[in-house]
PDB file of N, CA and C in Angstrom:
ATOM      1  N   MET A   1      22.339  10.401  19.408  1.00  0.00           N
ATOM      2  CA  MET A   1      23.725   9.891  19.584  1.00  0.00           C
ATOM      3  C   MET A   1      23.913   8.806  18.413  1.00  0.00           C
ATOM      4  N   ILE A   2      24.785   8.909  17.844  1.00  0.00           N
ATOM      5  CA  ILE A   2      25.477   7.661  16.654  1.00  0.00           C
ATOM      6  C   ILE A   2      26.365   6.913  17.052  1.00  0.00           C
ATOM      7  N   LEU A   3      26.139   5.466  17.238  1.00  0.00           N
ATOM      8  CA  LEU A   3      27.469   4.687  17.703  1.00  0.00           C
ATOM      9  C   LEU A   3      27.708   3.663  16.651  1.00  0.00           C
ATOM     10  N   ALA A   4      28.836   3.220  16.368  1.00  0.00           N
ATOM     11  CA  ALA A   4      29.477   2.461  15.452  1.00  0.00           C
ATOM     12  C   ALA A   4      29.302   1.186  15.962  1.00  0.00           C
ATOM     13  N   ILE A   5      28.762   0.176  14.919  1.00  0.00           N
ATOM     14  CA  ILE A   5      28.809  -1.443  15.410  1.00  0.00           C
ATOM     15  C   ILE A   5      30.128  -1.817  14.840  1.00  0.00           C
ATOM     16  N   VAL A   6      31.064  -2.293  15.523  1.00  0.00           N
ATOM     17  CA  VAL A   6      32.206  -2.864  15.172  1.00  0.00           C
ATOM     18  C   VAL A   6      32.618  -4.238  15.109  1.00  0.00           C
ATOM     19  N   LYS A   7      33.072  -4.962  13.982  1.00  0.00           N
ATOM     20  CA  LYS A   7      33.366  -6.377  14.343  1.00  0.00           C
ATOM     21  C   LYS A   7      34.835  -6.502  14.721  1.00  0.00           C
ATOM     22  N   LYS A   8      34.786  -7.317  15.793  1.00  0.00           N
ATOM     23  CA  LYS A   8      36.220  -7.748  16.563  1.00  0.00           C
ATOM     24  C   LYS A   8      36.613  -9.000  15.904  1.00  0.00           C
ATOM     25  N   PRO A   9      37.820  -9.368  15.611  1.00  0.00           N
ATOM     26  CA  PRO A   9      38.983  -8.643  16.141  1.00  0.00           C
ATOM     27  C   PRO A   9      39.498  -7.635  15.158  1.00  0.00           C
ATOM     28  N   GLN A  10      38.865  -7.595  13.761  1.00  0.00           N
ATOM     29  CA  GLN A  10      39.344  -6.763  12.783  1.00  0.00           C
ATOM     30  C   GLN A  10      39.014  -5.393  12.760  1.00  0.00           C
ATOM     31  N   ALA A  11      38.154  -4.810  13.955  1.00  0.00           N
ATOM     32  CA  ALA A  11      37.775  -3.508  13.994  1.00  0.00           C
ATOM     33  C   ALA A  11      37.219  -3.255  12.580  1.00  0.00           C
ATOM     34  N   GLN A  12      36.399  -3.914  12.174  1.00  0.00           N
ATOM     35  CA  GLN A  12      35.573  -3.598  10.852  1.00  0.00           C
ATOM     36  C   GLN A  12      34.236  -2.711  11.037  1.00  0.00           C
ATOM     37  N   LEU A  13      33.975  -1.714  10.585  1.00  0.00           N
ATOM     38  CA  LEU A  13      32.653  -1.071  10.730  1.00  0.00           C
ATOM     39  C   LEU A  13      31.449  -2.088   9.911  1.00  0.00           C
ATOM     40  N   ILE A  14      30.677  -2.281  10.737  1.00  0.00           N
ATOM     41  CA  ILE A  14      29.798  -3.251   9.968  1.00  0.00           C
ATOM     42  C   ILE A  14      28.133  -2.630  10.095  1.00  0.00           C
ATOM     43  N   GLY A  15      28.094  -1.604  10.965  1.00  0.00           N
ATOM     44  CA  GLY A  15      26.675  -0.636  10.803  1.00  0.00           C
ATOM     45  C   GLY A  15      26.674   0.359  11.970  1.00  0.00           C
ATOM     46  N   GLU A  16      25.600   0.990  12.201  1.00  0.00           N
ATOM     47  CA  GLU A  16      25.482   1.847  13.308  1.00  0.00           C
ATOM     48  C   GLU A  16      24.234   1.728  14.035  1.00  0.00           C
ATOM     49  N   LEU A  17      24.200   2.456  14.979  1.00  0.00           N
ATOM     50  CA  LEU A  17      23.242   2.350  16.232  1.00  0.00           C
ATOM     51  C   LEU A  17      22.908   3.741  16.639  1.00  0.00           C
ATOM     52  N   VAL A  18      21.459   4.043  16.660  1.00  0.00           N
ATOM     53  CA  VAL A  18      21.177   5.609  16.868  1.00  0.00           C
ATOM     54  C   VAL A  18      20.430   5.388  18.163  1.00  0.00           C
ATOM     55  N   PHE A  19      20.516   6.509  19.012  1.00  0.00           N
ATOM     56  CA  PHE A  19      19.683   6.844  20.076  1.00  0.00           C
ATOM     57  C   PHE A  19      19.190   8.274  19.854  1.00  0.00           C
ATOM     58  N   LYS A  20      18.081   8.564  20.165  1.00  0.00           N
ATOM     59  CA  LYS A  20      17.425  10.115  20.273  1.00  0.00           C
ATOM     60  C   LYS A  20      16.389   9.935  21.375  1.00  0.00           C
ATOM     61  N   TYR A  21      16.050  11.283  21.941  1.00  0.00           N
ATOM     62  CA  TYR A  21      15.086  11.422  22.892  1.00  0.00           C
ATOM     63  C   TYR A  21      13.768  11.848  21.768  1.00  0.00           C
ATOM     64  N   VAL A  22      12.813  10.947  22.026  1.00  0.00           N
ATOM     65  CA  VAL A  22      11.421  11.445  21.232  1.00  0.00           C
ATOM     66  C   VAL A  22      10.700  12.616  22.189  1.00  0.00           C
ATOM     67  N   ASP A  23      10.620  12.173  23.304  1.00  0.00           N
ATOM     68  CA  ASP A  23      10.255  13.142  24.299  1.00  0.00           C
ATOM     69  C   ASP A  23      10.663  13.036  25.982  1.00  0.00           C
ATOM     70  N   ALA A  24      11.666  13.668  25.906  1.00  0.00           N
ATOM     71  CA  ALA A  24      12.441  13.886  27.222  1.00  0.00           C
ATOM     72  C   ALA A  24      11.656  14.205  28.391  1.00  0.00           C
ATOM     73  N   GLY A  25      10.700  14.845  28.316  1.00  0.00           N
ATOM     74  CA  GLY A  25       9.695  15.140  29.364  1.00  0.00           C
ATOM     75  C   GLY A  25       8.944  13.943  30.046  1.00  0.00           C
ATOM     76  N   LYS A  26       8.653  13.328  28.963  1.00  0.00           N
ATOM     77  CA  LYS A  26       8.046  11.862  29.275  1.00  0.00           C
ATOM     78  C   LYS A  26       8.678  10.749  29.371  1.00  0.00           C
ATOM     79  N   ARG A  27      10.077  11.008  29.203  1.00  0.00           N
ATOM     80  CA  ARG A  27      11.161   9.959  29.202  1.00  0.00           C
ATOM     81  C   ARG A  27      11.067   8.622  28.471  1.00  0.00           C
ATOM     82  N   VAL A  28      10.672   9.228  27.079  1.00  0.00           N
ATOM     83  CA  VAL A  28      10.734   8.398  25.811  1.00  0.00           C
ATOM     84  C   VAL A  28      11.992   8.583  24.879  1.00  0.00           C
ATOM     85  N   GLY A  29      12.503   7.474  24.626  1.00  0.00           N
ATOM     86  CA  GLY A  29      13.749   7.289  23.603  1.00  0.00           C
ATOM     87  C   GLY A  29      13.234   6.502  22.299  1.00  0.00           C
ATOM     88  N   GLU A  30      14.146   6.630  21.432  1.00  0.00           N
ATOM     89  CA  GLU A  30      14.084   5.836  20.362  1.00  0.00           C
ATOM     90  C   GLU A  30      15.331   5.330  19.921  1.00  0.00           C
ATOM     91  N   ILE A  31      15.296   4.130  19.336  1.00  0.00           N
ATOM     92  CA  ILE A  31      16.734   3.622  18.952  1.00  0.00           C
ATOM     93  C   ILE A  31      16.176   3.129  17.192  1.00  0.00           C
ATOM     94  N   GLY A  32      17.424   3.341  16.677  1.00  0.00           N
ATOM     95  CA  GLY A  32      17.260   2.576  15.455  1.00  0.00           C
ATOM     96  C   GLY A  32      18.735   1.917  14.997  1.00  0.00           C
ATOM     97  N   PHE A  33      18.785   0.935  14.152  1.00  0.00           N
ATOM     98  CA  PHE A  33      20.170   0.431  13.679  1.00  0.00           C
ATOM     99  C   PHE A  33      19.935   0.162  12.413  1.00  0.00           C
ATOM    100  N   ARG A  34      21.382  -0.005  11.635  1.00  0.00           N
ATOM    101  CA  ARG A  34      21.463  -0.489  10.361  1.00  0.00           C
ATOM    102  C   ARG A  34      22.648  -1.268  10.247  1.00  0.00           C
ATOM    103  N   LEU A  35      22.661  -2.246   9.622  1.00  0.00           N
ATOM    104  CA  LEU A  35      23.810  -3.396   9.541  1.00  0.00           C
ATOM    105  C   LEU A  35      24.160  -3.539   8.013  1.00  0.00           C
ATOM    106  N   ALA A  36      25.329  -3.758   7.573  1.00  0.00           N
ATOM    107  CA  ALA A  36      25.806  -4.246   6.220  1.00  0.00           C
ATOM    108  C   ALA A  36      25.371  -5.445   6.045  1.00  0.00           C
ATOM    109  N   GLU A  37      24.806  -5.657   4.826  1.00  0.00           N
ATOM    110  CA  GLU A  37      23.930  -6.539   4.318  1.00  0.00           C
ATOM    111  C   GLU A  37      24.406  -8.063   4.588  1.00  0.00           C
ATOM    112  N   ALA A  38      25.842  -8.424   4.508  1.00  0.00           N
ATOM    113  CA  ALA A  38      26.469  -9.599   4.878  1.00  0.00           C
ATOM    114  C   ALA A  38      26.397  -9.692   6.258  1.00  0.00           C
ATOM    115  N   GLU A  39      26.269  -8.835   7.171  1.00  0.00           N
ATOM    116  CA  GLU A  39      25.983  -8.741   8.556  1.00  0.00           C
ATOM    117  C   GLU A  39      24.917  -9.396   9.223  1.00  0.00           C
ATOM    118  N   ILE A  40      23.819  -9.166   8.673  1.00  0.00           N
ATOM    119  CA  ILE A  40      22.590  -9.375   8.899  1.00  0.00           C
ATOM    120  C   ILE A  40      22.111 -10.714   9.630  1.00  0.00           C
ATOM    121  N   GLY A  41      21.390 -11.045  10.638  1.00  0.00           N
ATOM    122  CA  GLY A  41      21.398 -12.476  10.850  1.00  0.00           C
ATOM    123  C   GLY A  41      22.385 -13.245  11.988  1.00  0.00           C
ATOM    124  N   LYS A  42      23.622 -12.286  11.928  1.00  0.00           N
ATOM    125  CA  LYS A  42      24.671 -12.973  12.668  1.00  0.00           C
ATOM    126  C   LYS A  42      24.653 -12.565  14.061  1.00  0.00           C
ATOM    127  N   GLY A  43      23.853 -11.891  14.780  1.00  0.00           N
ATOM    128  CA  GLY A  43      23.527 -11.453  16.242  1.00  0.00           C
ATOM    129  C   GLY A  43      24.154 -10.211  16.564  1.00  0.00           C
ATOM    130  N   TYR A  44      24.957  -9.451  15.636  1.00  0.00           N
ATOM    131  CA  TYR A  44      25.713  -8.359  16.043  1.00  0.00           C
ATOM    132  C   TYR A  44      24.327  -6.886  16.332  1.00  0.00           C
ATOM    133  N   GLY A  45      23.456  -7.092  15.610  1.00  0.00           N
ATOM    134  CA  GLY A  45      22.651  -6.119  15.745  1.00  0.00           C
ATOM    135  C   GLY A  45      21.928  -6.192  17.232  1.00  0.00           C
ATOM    136  N   GLU A  46      21.474  -7.326  17.283  1.00  0.00           N
ATOM    137  CA  GLU A  46      20.765  -7.874  18.528  1.00  0.00           C
ATOM    138  C   GLU A  46      21.717  -7.608  19.665  1.00  0.00           C
ATOM    139  N   GLU A  47      22.931  -7.847  19.821  1.00  0.00           N
ATOM    140  CA  GLU A  47      23.884  -7.420  21.009  1.00  0.00           C
ATOM    141  C   GLU A  47      24.163  -6.238  21.044  1.00  0.00           C
ATOM    142  N   ALA A  48      24.338  -5.319  20.016  1.00  0.00           N
ATOM    143  CA  ALA A  48      24.306  -3.759  20.068  1.00  0.00           C
ATOM    144  C   ALA A  48      22.937  -3.224  20.732  1.00  0.00           C
ATOM    145  N   ALA A  49      22.146  -3.604  20.038  1.00  0.00           N
ATOM    146  CA  ALA A  49      20.615  -3.039  20.612  1.00  0.00           C
ATOM    147  C   ALA A  49      20.445  -3.452  22.197  1.00  0.00           C
ATOM    148  N   ILE A  50      20.745  -4.435  22.419  1.00  0.00           N
ATOM    149  CA  ILE A  50      20.712  -4.774  23.986  1.00  0.00           C
ATOM    150  C   ILE A  50      21.601  -4.183  25.189  1.00  0.00           C
ATOM    151  N   ALA A  51      22.830  -3.756  24.450  1.00  0.00           N
ATOM    152  CA  ALA A  51      23.693  -2.999  25.146  1.00  0.00           C
ATOM    153  C   ALA A  51      23.337  -1.467  25.118  1.00  0.00           C
ATOM    154  N   LEU A  52      22.560  -1.086  24.151  1.00  0.00           N
ATOM    155  CA  LEU A  52      22.342   0.104  24.190  1.00  0.00           C
ATOM    156  C   LEU A  52      20.760   0.493  24.709  1.00  0.00           C
ATOM    157  N   ILE A  53      20.136  -0.361  25.073  1.00  0.00           N
ATOM    158  CA  ILE A  53      18.697  -0.432  25.776  1.00  0.00           C
ATOM    159  C   ILE A  53      19.069  -0.496  27.017  1.00  0.00           C
ATOM    160  N   LYS A  54      20.182  -1.242  27.402  1.00  0.00           N
ATOM    161  CA  LYS A  54      20.323  -1.333  28.682  1.00  0.00           C
ATOM    162  C   LYS A  54      21.081   0.111  29.423  1.00  0.00           C
ATOM    163  N   GLU A  55      21.904   0.635  28.443  1.00  0.00           N
ATOM    164  CA  GLU A  55      22.706   1.797  28.768  1.00  0.00           C
ATOM    165  C   GLU A  55      21.483   3.176  28.788  1.00  0.00           C
ATOM    166  N   ALA A  56      20.450   3.123  27.936  1.00  0.00           N
ATOM    167  CA  ALA A  56      19.277   3.988  28.025  1.00  0.00           C
ATOM    168  C   ALA A  56      18.489   3.894  29.003  1.00  0.00           C
ATOM    169  N   PHE A  57      18.186   2.692  29.608  1.00  0.00           N
ATOM    170  CA  PHE A  57      17.481   2.774  30.936  1.00  0.00           C
ATOM    171  C   PHE A  57      18.135   3.212  32.118  1.00  0.00           C
ATOM    172  N   GLN A  58      19.264   2.655  31.916  1.00  0.00           N
ATOM    173  CA  GLN A  58      20.087   3.038  33.328  1.00  0.00           C
ATOM    174  C   GLN A  58      20.726   4.528  33.384  1.00  0.00           C
ATOM    175  N   SER A  59      21.163   5.221  32.354  1.00  0.00           N
ATOM    176  CA  SER A  59      22.051   6.189  32.311  1.00  0.00           C
ATOM    177  C   SER A  59      21.382   7.365  31.498  1.00  0.00           C
ATOM    178  N   LEU A  60      20.480   7.223  30.800  1.00  0.00           N
ATOM    179  CA  LEU A  60      19.815   8.236  29.745  1.00  0.00           C
ATOM    180  C   LEU A  60      18.288   8.618  30.239  1.00  0.00           C
ATOM    181  N   SER A  61      18.139   8.179  31.431  1.00  0.00           N
ATOM    182  CA  SER A  61      16.879   8.715  31.929  1.00  0.00           C
ATOM    183  C   SER A  61      15.497   8.563  31.011  1.00  0.00           C
ATOM    184  N   VAL A  62      15.510   7.231  30.302  1.00  0.00           N
ATOM    185  CA  VAL A  62      14.219   7.102  29.568  1.00  0.00           C
ATOM    186  C   VAL A  62      13.462   5.939  30.402  1.00  0.00           C
ATOM    187  N   ASP A  63      12.040   5.865  30.458  1.00  0.00           N
ATOM    188  CA  ASP A  63      11.184   4.745  30.942  1.00  0.00           C
ATOM    189  C   ASP A  63      10.681   3.787  29.756  1.00  0.00           C
ATOM    190  N   THR A  64      10.717   4.468  28.466  1.00  0.00           N
ATOM    191  CA  THR A  64      10.320   3.747  27.344  1.00  0.00           C
ATOM    192  C   THR A  64      11.251   4.094  26.351  1.00  0.00           C
ATOM    193  N   ILE A  65      11.401   3.026  25.439  1.00  0.00           N
ATOM    194  CA  ILE A  65      12.233   2.863  24.212  1.00  0.00           C
ATOM    195  C   ILE A  65      11.358   2.600  23.036  1.00  0.00           C
ATOM    196  N   GLN A  66      11.410   3.188  21.872  1.00  0.00           N
ATOM    197  CA  GLN A  66      10.593   2.766  20.763  1.00  0.00           C
ATOM    198  C   GLN A  66      11.578   2.699  19.722  1.00  0.00           C
ATOM    199  N   ALA A  67      11.054   1.753  18.583  1.00  0.00           N
ATOM    200  CA  ALA A  67      11.540   1.774  17.493  1.00  0.00           C
ATOM    201  C   ALA A  67      10.672   1.596  16.259  1.00  0.00           C
ATOM    202  N   ILE A  68      11.030   2.005  14.880  1.00  0.00           N
ATOM    203  CA  ILE A  68      10.178   1.767  14.089  1.00  0.00           C
ATOM    204  C   ILE A  68      10.854   0.996  12.972  1.00  0.00           C
ATOM    205  N   CYS A  69       9.910   0.392  12.107  1.00  0.00           N
ATOM    206  CA  CYS A  69      10.519  -0.183  10.839  1.00  0.00           C
ATOM    207  C   CYS A  69       9.426  -0.405   9.834  1.00  0.00           C
ATOM    208  N   ALA A  70       9.729  -0.555   8.635  1.00  0.00           N
ATOM    209  CA  ALA A  70       8.828  -0.847   7.378  1.00  0.00           C
ATOM    210  C   ALA A  70       8.023  -1.876   7.582  1.00  0.00           C
ATOM    211  N   VAL A  71       6.659  -2.021   7.412  1.00  0.00           N
ATOM    212  CA  VAL A  71       6.123  -3.165   7.880  1.00  0.00           C
ATOM    213  C   VAL A  71       6.321  -4.554   6.792  1.00  0.00           C
ATOM    214  N   GLU A  72       7.403  -4.231   5.521  1.00  0.00           N
ATOM    215  CA  GLU A  72       7.910  -5.310   4.862  1.00  0.00           C
ATOM    216  C   GLU A  72       9.357  -5.685   5.700  1.00  0.00           C
ATOM    217  N   ASN A  73       9.913  -5.160   6.347  1.00  0.00           N
ATOM    218  CA  ASN A  73      11.296  -5.172   6.922  1.00  0.00           C
ATOM    219  C   ASN A  73      10.953  -6.711   8.145  1.00  0.00           C
ATOM    220  N   LEU A  74      10.694  -7.663   7.590  1.00  0.00           N
ATOM    221  CA  LEU A  74      10.548  -8.644   8.361  1.00  0.00           C
ATOM    222  C   LEU A  74      11.925  -8.918   9.653  1.00  0.00           C
ATOM    223  N   GLN A  75      13.045  -8.718   9.079  1.00  0.00           N
ATOM    224  CA  GLN A  75      13.902  -9.091   9.781  1.00  0.00           C
ATOM    225  C   GLN A  75      14.103  -8.053  10.966  1.00  0.00           C
ATOM    226  N   SER A  76      13.752  -6.964  10.770  1.00  0.00           N
ATOM    227  CA  SER A  76      13.924  -5.797  11.883  1.00  0.00           C
ATOM    228  C   SER A  76      12.736  -6.189  12.687  1.00  0.00           C
ATOM    229  N   GLN A  77      11.724  -6.827  12.434  1.00  0.00           N
ATOM    230  CA  GLN A  77      10.275  -7.062  13.242  1.00  0.00           C
ATOM    231  C   GLN A  77      10.827  -8.037  14.036  1.00  0.00           C
ATOM    232  N   ARG A  78      11.515  -9.327  13.546  1.00  0.00           N
ATOM    233  CA  ARG A  78      12.116 -10.435  14.219  1.00  0.00           C
ATOM    234  C   ARG A  78      12.901  -9.921  15.373  1.00  0.00           C
ATOM    235  N   LEU A  79      14.023  -8.930  15.118  1.00  0.00           N
ATOM    236  CA  LEU A  79      14.778  -8.386  16.200  1.00  0.00           C
ATOM    237  C   LEU A  79      14.192  -7.632  17.185  1.00  0.00           C
ATOM    238  N   MET A  80      13.140  -6.750  16.875  1.00  0.00           N
ATOM    239  CA  MET A  80      12.656  -6.055  18.062  1.00  0.00           C
ATOM    240  C   MET A  80      11.863  -6.824  18.893  1.00  0.00           C
ATOM    241  N   LEU A  81      11.408  -7.947  18.417  1.00  0.00           N
ATOM    242  CA  LEU A  81      10.435  -9.136  19.067  1.00  0.00           C
ATOM    243  C   LEU A  81      11.477  -9.771  19.985  1.00  0.00           C
ATOM    244  N   LYS A  82      12.701  -9.902  19.672  1.00  0.00           N
ATOM    245  CA  LYS A  82      13.923 -10.661  20.397  1.00  0.00           C
ATOM    246  C   LYS A  82      14.096  -9.754  21.511  1.00  0.00           C
ATOM    247  N   LEU A  83      14.349  -8.441  21.236  1.00  0.00           N
ATOM    248  CA  LEU A  83      14.328  -7.417  22.157  1.00  0.00           C
ATOM    249  C   LEU A  83      13.432  -7.097  23.324  1.00  0.00           C
ATOM    250  N   GLY A  84      12.327  -8.001  23.202  1.00  0.00           N
ATOM    251  CA  GLY A  84      10.983  -7.735  24.337  1.00  0.00           C
ATOM    252  C   GLY A  84      10.228  -6.770  24.026  1.00  0.00           C
ATOM    253  N   MET A  85      10.449  -5.997  22.641  1.00  0.00           N
ATOM    254  CA  MET A  85       9.618  -4.984  22.303  1.00  0.00           C
ATOM    255  C   MET A  85       8.063  -5.460  21.736  1.00  0.00           C
ATOM    256  N   LYS A  86       7.272  -4.820  22.070  1.00  0.00           N
ATOM    257  CA  LYS A  86       5.884  -5.057  21.653  1.00  0.00           C
ATOM    258  C   LYS A  86       5.576  -4.061  20.533  1.00  0.00           C
ATOM    259  N   ARG A  87       4.500  -4.677  19.612  1.00  0.00           N
ATOM    260  CA  ARG A  87       4.041  -3.935  18.187  1.00  0.00           C
ATOM    261  C   ARG A  87       2.866  -3.257  18.941  1.00  0.00           C
ATOM    262  N   LYS A  88       2.760  -1.664  18.782  1.00  0.00           N
ATOM    263  CA  LYS A  88       2.006  -0.699  19.182  1.00  0.00           C
ATOM    264  C   LYS A  88       1.139  -0.335  18.387  1.00  0.00           C
ATOM    265  N   THR A  89       1.474   0.104  16.997  1.00  0.00           N
ATOM    266  CA  THR A  89       0.862   0.789  16.105  1.00  0.00           C
ATOM    267  C   THR A  89       1.248   0.665  14.609  1.00  0.00           C
ATOM    268  N   ARG A  90       0.376   0.797  13.897  1.00  0.00           N
ATOM    269  CA  ARG A  90       0.839   1.006  12.336  1.00  0.00           C
ATOM    270  C   ARG A  90       0.629   2.489  11.850  1.00  0.00           C
ATOM    271  N   LEU A  91       1.564   2.837  11.532  1.00  0.00           N
ATOM    272  CA  LEU A  91       1.334   4.290  10.743  1.00  0.00           C
ATOM    273  C   LEU A  91       1.395   4.100   9.100  1.00  0.00           C
ATOM    274  N   LYS A  92       0.456   4.668   8.479  1.00  0.00           N
ATOM    275  CA  LYS A  92       0.482   4.650   6.939  1.00  0.00           C
ATOM    276  C   LYS A  92       1.169   5.696   6.196  1.00  0.00           C
ATOM    277  N   ALA A  93       2.006   5.231   5.275  1.00  0.00           N
ATOM    278  CA  ALA A  93       2.718   6.052   4.298  1.00  0.00           C
ATOM    279  C   ALA A  93       3.581   7.366   5.187  1.00  0.00           C
ATOM    280  N   PHE A  94       4.139   6.345   6.181  1.00  0.00           N
ATOM    281  CA  PHE A  94       5.177   7.334   7.150  1.00  0.00           C
ATOM    282  C   PHE A  94       6.512   7.417   6.630  1.00  0.00           C
ATOM    283  N   LEU A  95       7.180   6.603   6.144  1.00  0.00           N
ATOM    284  CA  LEU A  95       8.673   6.543   5.817  1.00  0.00           C
ATOM    285  C   LEU A  95       8.973   6.564   4.398  1.00  0.00           C
ATOM    286  N   ASP A  96       9.620   7.387   4.048  1.00  0.00           N
ATOM    287  CA  ASP A  96      10.173   7.767   2.801  1.00  0.00           C
ATOM    288  C   ASP A  96      11.554   6.841   2.342  1.00  0.00           C
ATOM    289  N   ILE A  97      11.501   5.829   1.481  1.00  0.00           N
ATOM    290  CA  ILE A  97      12.545   5.029   1.056  1.00  0.00           C
ATOM    291  C   ILE A  97      12.604   5.123  -0.325  1.00  0.00           C
ATOM    292  N   GLY A  98      13.617   5.586  -0.786  1.00  0.00           N
ATOM    293  CA  GLY A  98      13.837   6.004  -2.185  1.00  0.00           C
ATOM    294  C   GLY A  98      12.818   6.363  -3.173  1.00  0.00           C
ATOM    295  N   GLY A  99      12.085   7.610  -2.390  1.00  0.00           N
ATOM    296  CA  GLY A  99      11.002   8.192  -2.974  1.00  0.00           C
ATOM    297  C   GLY A  99       9.618   7.631  -3.035  1.00  0.00           C
ATOM    298  N   GLU A 100       9.555   6.482  -2.159  1.00  0.00           N
ATOM    299  CA  GLU A 100       8.446   5.651  -2.274  1.00  0.00           C
ATOM    300  C   GLU A 100       7.826   5.644  -0.595  1.00  0.00           C
ATOM    301  N   LYS A 101       6.538   5.736  -0.392  1.00  0.00           N
ATOM    302  CA  LYS A 101       6.041   5.907   0.866  1.00  0.00           C
ATOM    303  C   LYS A 101       5.755   4.516   1.545  1.00  0.00           C
ATOM    304  N   HIS A 102       6.301   4.267   2.624  1.00  0.00           N
ATOM    305  CA  HIS A 102       5.933   3.074   3.269  1.00  0.00           C
ATOM    306  C   HIS A 102       5.245   3.021   4.665  1.00  0.00           C
ATOM    307  N   ASP A 103       4.467   1.930   4.904  1.00  0.00           N
ATOM    308  CA  ASP A 103       3.804   2.015   6.458  1.00  0.00           C
ATOM    309  C   ASP A 103       4.829   1.701   7.179  1.00  0.00           C
ATOM    310  N   ILE A 104       4.796   1.939   8.458  1.00  0.00           N
ATOM    311  CA  ILE A 104       5.634   1.432   9.549  1.00  0.00           C
ATOM    312  C   ILE A 104       5.012   0.881  10.582  1.00  0.00           C
ATOM    313  N   TYR A 105       5.552   0.077  11.468  1.00  0.00           N
ATOM    314  CA  TYR A 105       5.239  -0.595  12.670  1.00  0.00           C
ATOM    315  C   TYR A 105       6.050   0.325  13.653  1.00  0.00           C
ATOM    316  N   VAL A 106       5.313   0.502  14.771  1.00  0.00           N
ATOM    317  CA  VAL A 106       6.098   1.359  15.967  1.00  0.00           C
ATOM    318  C   VAL A 106       6.086   0.197  17.063  1.00  0.00           C
ATOM    319  N   TYR A 107       7.254   0.066  17.513  1.00  0.00           N
ATOM    320  CA  TYR A 107       7.502  -0.850  18.543  1.00  0.00           C
ATOM    321  C   TYR A 107       7.899  -0.285  19.934  1.00  0.00           C
ATOM    322  N   GLN A 108       7.422  -0.808  21.231  1.00  0.00           N
ATOM    323  CA  GLN A 108       7.859  -0.108  22.242  1.00  0.00           C
ATOM    324  C   GLN A 108       8.488  -1.087  23.266  1.00  0.00           C
ATOM    325  N   LEU A 109       9.408  -0.571  24.200  1.00  0.00           N
ATOM    326  CA  LEU A 109       9.925  -1.591  25.350  1.00  0.00           C
ATOM    327  C   LEU A 109       9.770  -0.551  26.503  1.00  0.00           C
ATOM    328  N   ASN A 110       9.172  -0.846  27.691  1.00  0.00           N
ATOM    329  CA  ASN A 110       9.022  -0.242  28.815  1.00  0.00           C
ATOM    330  C   ASN A 110      10.145  -0.884  29.841  1.00  0.00           C
ATOM    331  N   ASN A 111      10.633   0.036  30.546  1.00  0.00           N
ATOM    332  CA  ASN A 111      11.801  -0.404  31.773  1.00  0.00           C
ATOM    333  C   ASN A 111      11.413  -1.244  32.484  1.00  0.00           C
ATOM    334  N   LEU A 112      10.036  -1.466  32.952  1.00  0.00           N
ATOM    335  CA  LEU A 112       9.543  -2.436  34.016  1.00  0.00           C
ATOM    336  C   LEU A 112       9.395  -3.637  33.338  1.00  0.00           C
ATOM    337  N   SER A 113       9.438  -3.704  32.278  1.00  0.00           N
ATOM    338  CA  SER A 113       9.206  -5.281  31.365  1.00  0.00           C
ATOM    339  C   SER A 113      10.471  -5.953  30.942  1.00  0.00           C
ATOM    340  N   CYS A 114      11.723  -5.112  31.523  1.00  0.00           N
ATOM    341  CA  CYS A 114      12.896  -5.680  31.000  1.00  0.00           C
ATOM    342  C   CYS A 114      13.239  -6.618  32.275  1.00  0.00           C
TER     343      CYS A 114
END
């Protein structure tokens, strides 16, 4: 599921939020988000992610939500910590960005920790 992040009242598209099932049998989902550069740090990503996490736990039958980010992406790491997620592991050369391999961190949030 891909959702738009829209800035009101202008109805300006400023980003996207993604949800997918990683393992429906184990009730694990994954979220991802991307914002326009000018909108980073203004709280829009946090607001959108909180709403999606709440919906995922209440309506999408997941018990665990995970998210990934490149090790060098400090802004995403801060956001995941604000969301209550815990860093679980580091995967080497997992993510391809512009033809370069990057290490990632995997973060998780369990429904019981909300």
